[in-house]
Protein backbone atom coordinates (compact mmCIF):
# COMPACT_ATOMS: atom_id res chain seq x y z
CA UNK A 1 0.02 -0.03 0.07
CA UNK A 2 1.01 3.58 -0.39
CA UNK A 3 0.38 7.06 0.95
CA UNK A 4 -1.57 9.53 -1.23
CA UNK A 5 -1.64 13.32 -1.46
CA UNK A 6 -4.31 14.83 0.74
CA UNK A 7 -5.93 17.74 -1.22
CA UNK A 8 -6.00 21.00 0.87
CA UNK A 9 -8.90 23.47 0.85
CA UNK A 10 -8.79 25.61 -2.31
CA UNK A 11 -8.40 22.48 -4.56
CA UNK A 12 -11.46 22.33 -6.76
CA UNK A 13 -11.84 18.52 -6.36
CA UNK A 14 -13.09 19.01 -2.82
CA UNK A 15 -16.12 20.86 -4.16
CA UNK A 16 -17.10 18.17 -6.79
CA UNK A 17 -19.63 15.49 -6.14
CA UNK A 18 -18.21 12.09 -6.28
CA UNK A 19 -19.74 9.44 -8.61
CA UNK A 20 -21.37 6.16 -7.58
CA UNK A 21 -19.01 3.13 -7.44
CA UNK A 22 -20.01 0.47 -9.95
CA UNK A 23 -16.84 -1.69 -10.17
CA UNK A 24 -16.16 -3.67 -6.99
CA UNK A 25 -12.77 -4.89 -7.98
CA UNK A 26 -9.11 -5.05 -6.92
CA UNK A 27 -8.58 -1.45 -7.97
CA UNK A 28 -11.26 -0.26 -5.42
CA UNK A 29 -9.70 -2.40 -2.70
CA UNK A 30 -6.24 -1.01 -3.51
CA UNK A 31 -7.60 2.53 -3.35
CA UNK A 32 -9.32 1.87 -0.01
CA UNK A 33 -6.03 0.39 1.33
CA UNK A 34 -4.08 3.34 0.17
CA UNK A 35 -6.67 5.64 1.78
CA UNK A 36 -6.34 3.75 5.15
CA UNK A 37 -2.55 4.20 5.05
CA UNK A 38 -2.88 8.00 4.14
CA UNK A 39 -5.51 8.41 6.91
CA UNK A 40 -3.41 6.81 9.60
CA UNK A 41 -0.22 8.64 8.59
CA UNK A 42 -2.09 11.95 8.91
CA UNK A 43 -3.59 10.75 12.26
CA UNK A 44 -7.17 11.25 10.93
CA UNK A 45 -10.24 9.28 11.77
CA UNK A 46 -11.87 9.56 8.34
CA UNK A 47 -10.89 10.21 4.72
CA UNK A 48 -13.07 10.68 1.66
CA UNK A 49 -11.83 9.69 -1.84
CA UNK A 50 -12.42 13.32 -3.01
CA UNK A 51 -9.67 14.26 -0.47
CA UNK A 52 -7.08 12.22 -2.33
CA UNK A 53 -8.41 13.50 -5.75
CA UNK A 54 -10.56 10.41 -6.67
CA UNK A 55 -14.18 11.20 -7.47
CA UNK A 56 -15.75 7.99 -6.28
CA UNK A 57 -18.31 7.59 -3.45
CA UNK A 58 -15.92 5.94 -0.99
CA UNK A 59 -14.52 6.79 2.43
CA UNK A 60 -12.62 5.20 5.05
CA UNK A 61 -12.81 5.57 8.81
CA UNK A 62 -11.09 4.04 11.84
CA UNK A 63 -11.21 4.58 15.59
CA UNK A 64 -9.33 3.00 18.45
CA UNK A 65 -11.47 1.72 21.40
CA UNK A 66 -10.81 -0.06 24.66
CA UNK A 67 -12.20 -3.60 24.81
CA UNK A 68 -13.67 -4.97 27.90
CA UNK A 69 -10.36 -6.71 28.91
CA UNK A 70 -8.51 -3.40 28.78
CA UNK A 71 -6.76 -3.92 25.36
CA UNK A 72 -7.03 -1.28 22.67
CA UNK A 73 -8.39 -2.39 19.29
CA UNK A 74 -9.00 -0.52 15.97
CA UNK A 75 -12.40 -0.50 14.50
CA UNK A 76 -13.28 0.83 11.09
CA UNK A 77 -14.07 0.09 7.49
CA UNK A 78 -14.29 1.22 3.97
CA UNK A 79 -17.73 2.62 3.07
CA UNK A 80 -19.00 2.61 -0.43
CA UNK A 81 -22.02 4.52 -1.87
CA UNK A 82 -23.46 5.62 1.44
CA UNK A 83 -26.97 7.03 1.70
CA UNK A 84 -28.44 8.69 4.71
CA UNK A 85 -31.76 6.91 5.49
CA UNK A 86 -32.72 8.64 8.73
CA UNK A 87 -31.37 11.16 11.25
CA UNK A 88 -32.50 12.20 14.73
CA UNK A 89 -33.94 15.53 15.61
CA UNK A 90 -31.58 15.53 18.60
CA UNK A 91 -28.44 17.42 17.89
CA UNK A 92 -24.86 16.96 19.25
CA UNK A 93 -22.48 19.80 19.26
CA UNK A 94 -18.67 19.40 19.22
CA UNK A 95 -15.54 20.51 17.61
CA UNK A 96 -14.79 19.19 14.18
CA UNK A 97 -11.63 19.23 12.14
CA UNK A 98 -10.65 18.03 8.63
CA UNK A 99 -7.51 16.59 7.06
CA UNK A 100 -7.98 19.04 4.20
CA UNK A 101 -7.99 21.97 6.71
CA UNK A 102 -4.78 21.19 8.63
CA UNK A 103 -5.04 22.39 12.30
CA UNK A 104 -8.38 23.85 12.14
CA UNK A 105 -11.11 22.85 14.54
CA UNK A 106 -14.58 24.54 14.94
CA UNK A 107 -17.88 23.68 16.54
CA UNK A 108 -20.27 21.92 14.18
CA UNK A 109 -23.81 20.82 15.02
CA UNK A 110 -24.80 17.37 13.60
CA UNK A 111 -27.61 14.86 14.29
CA UNK A 112 -26.92 12.74 17.38
CA UNK A 113 -28.10 9.52 15.63
CA UNK A 114 -28.20 8.48 12.00
CA UNK A 115 -29.17 5.37 9.90
CA UNK A 116 -27.05 4.93 6.76
CA UNK A 117 -27.31 2.28 3.91
CA UNK A 118 -24.11 1.49 2.22
CA UNK A 119 -22.04 -1.12 0.36
CA UNK A 120 -18.79 -2.83 1.39
CA UNK A 121 -15.77 -3.30 -0.91
CA UNK A 122 -17.36 -6.45 -2.22
CA UNK A 123 -20.51 -4.65 -3.18
CA UNK A 124 -22.64 -6.20 -0.42
CA UNK A 125 -25.46 -4.04 0.98
CA UNK A 126 -25.52 -3.01 4.64
CA UNK A 127 -27.50 -0.71 6.96
CA UNK A 128 -26.03 0.65 10.16
CA UNK A 129 -27.30 2.84 13.00
CA UNK A 130 -24.65 5.26 14.44
CA UNK A 131 -24.68 7.56 17.43
CA UNK A 132 -22.35 10.29 18.79
CA UNK A 133 -18.85 10.64 17.36
CA UNK A 134 -19.25 7.76 14.89
CA UNK A 135 -22.42 9.55 13.42
CA UNK A 136 -20.24 12.67 13.22
CA UNK A 137 -17.47 10.89 11.31
CA UNK A 138 -19.87 9.36 8.79
CA UNK A 139 -21.85 12.57 8.21
CA UNK A 140 -18.61 14.53 7.71
CA UNK A 141 -17.24 12.10 5.12
CA UNK A 142 -20.64 11.78 3.45
CA UNK A 143 -20.70 15.59 3.12
CA UNK A 144 -17.21 15.40 1.36
CA UNK A 145 -18.71 12.93 -1.26
CA UNK A 146 -21.25 15.53 -2.08
CA UNK A 147 -18.62 18.45 -2.24
CA UNK A 148 -19.75 19.86 1.11
CA UNK A 149 -17.09 20.88 3.58
CA UNK A 150 -17.36 21.25 7.30
CA UNK A 151 -16.81 24.99 6.99
CA UNK A 152 -20.15 25.17 5.23
CA UNK A 153 -21.73 24.36 8.57
CA UNK A 154 -19.96 27.01 10.57
CA UNK A 155 -21.31 30.18 12.07
CA UNK A 156 -20.53 33.18 9.81
CA UNK A 157 -17.72 34.61 12.09
CA UNK A 158 -16.05 31.16 12.27
CA UNK A 159 -16.25 30.61 8.64
CA UNK A 160 -14.58 34.00 7.88
CA UNK A 161 -11.79 33.19 10.39
CA UNK A 162 -11.33 29.66 8.91
CA UNK A 163 -11.05 31.03 5.38
CA UNK A 164 -8.55 33.59 6.41
CA UNK A 165 -6.45 30.93 8.30
CA UNK A 166 -6.45 28.72 5.19
CA UNK A 167 -5.22 31.52 2.88
CA UNK A 168 -2.42 32.08 5.35
CA UNK A 169 -1.67 28.30 5.58
CA UNK A 170 -1.57 28.02 1.73
CA UNK A 171 0.76 31.02 1.50
CA UNK A 172 3.08 29.59 4.21
CA UNK A 173 3.19 26.13 2.63
CA UNK A 174 3.81 27.61 -0.92
CA UNK A 175 0.69 25.84 -2.26
CA UNK A 176 0.06 26.91 -5.74
CA UNK A 177 -3.14 28.50 -6.97
CA UNK A 178 -5.57 25.66 -6.88
CA UNK A 179 -7.79 27.09 -9.68
CA UNK A 180 -5.20 25.75 -12.20
CA UNK A 181 -4.70 22.31 -10.54
CA UNK A 182 -6.32 19.47 -12.21
CA UNK A 183 -9.59 17.96 -10.76
CA UNK A 184 -10.29 14.50 -9.62
CA UNK A 185 -9.70 11.24 -11.32
CA UNK A 186 -12.72 9.19 -12.28
CA UNK A 187 -11.93 5.56 -11.66
CA UNK A 188 -13.91 3.19 -13.70
CA UNK A 189 -15.41 5.91 -16.05
CA UNK A 190 -13.45 5.21 -19.22
CA UNK A 191 -11.25 2.55 -20.85
CA UNK A 192 -8.17 4.61 -19.91
CA UNK A 193 -8.60 3.87 -16.10
CA UNK A 194 -6.15 5.76 -13.92
CA UNK A 195 -5.40 5.91 -10.19
């Protein structure tokens, strides 16, 4: 497996809607594996394919949790073609960050509980009920797949500050003008497939 480049805010691919996954093959599994490696290296808990420049409805997530015997184990998965089926009226508030916004954390309100339908890497259908932080992770990543960023949920003053901080970050890091950077790759959309 290998580490991929995480696209930083300002890159147009982050505002594009990802396409449904139709081919459940080795290429999809390789992409998911590379996304896990990238997410872990960046110390993230979730990563959407858009964030690595691939316009496919796929995200990975992983959390560590303490088991009943006191050992720490990782739980997570690759999620393909997720669909929000239901969400609670109860809201949770909490700080949220994003690997495409290095170092930024702001308060974001999300539903406390959700029900999501999705497919795994083999194309099998699943439904899951999530609550709390897990619901937050999945909703954040599902937003990415629709070109929605966590700053879109911020209060106006927080959004203004976040945009200013990201302009400063891009300048400090010498990140080129994203308007001329190519968009995302469309895996499985043509005979000249690329990753």
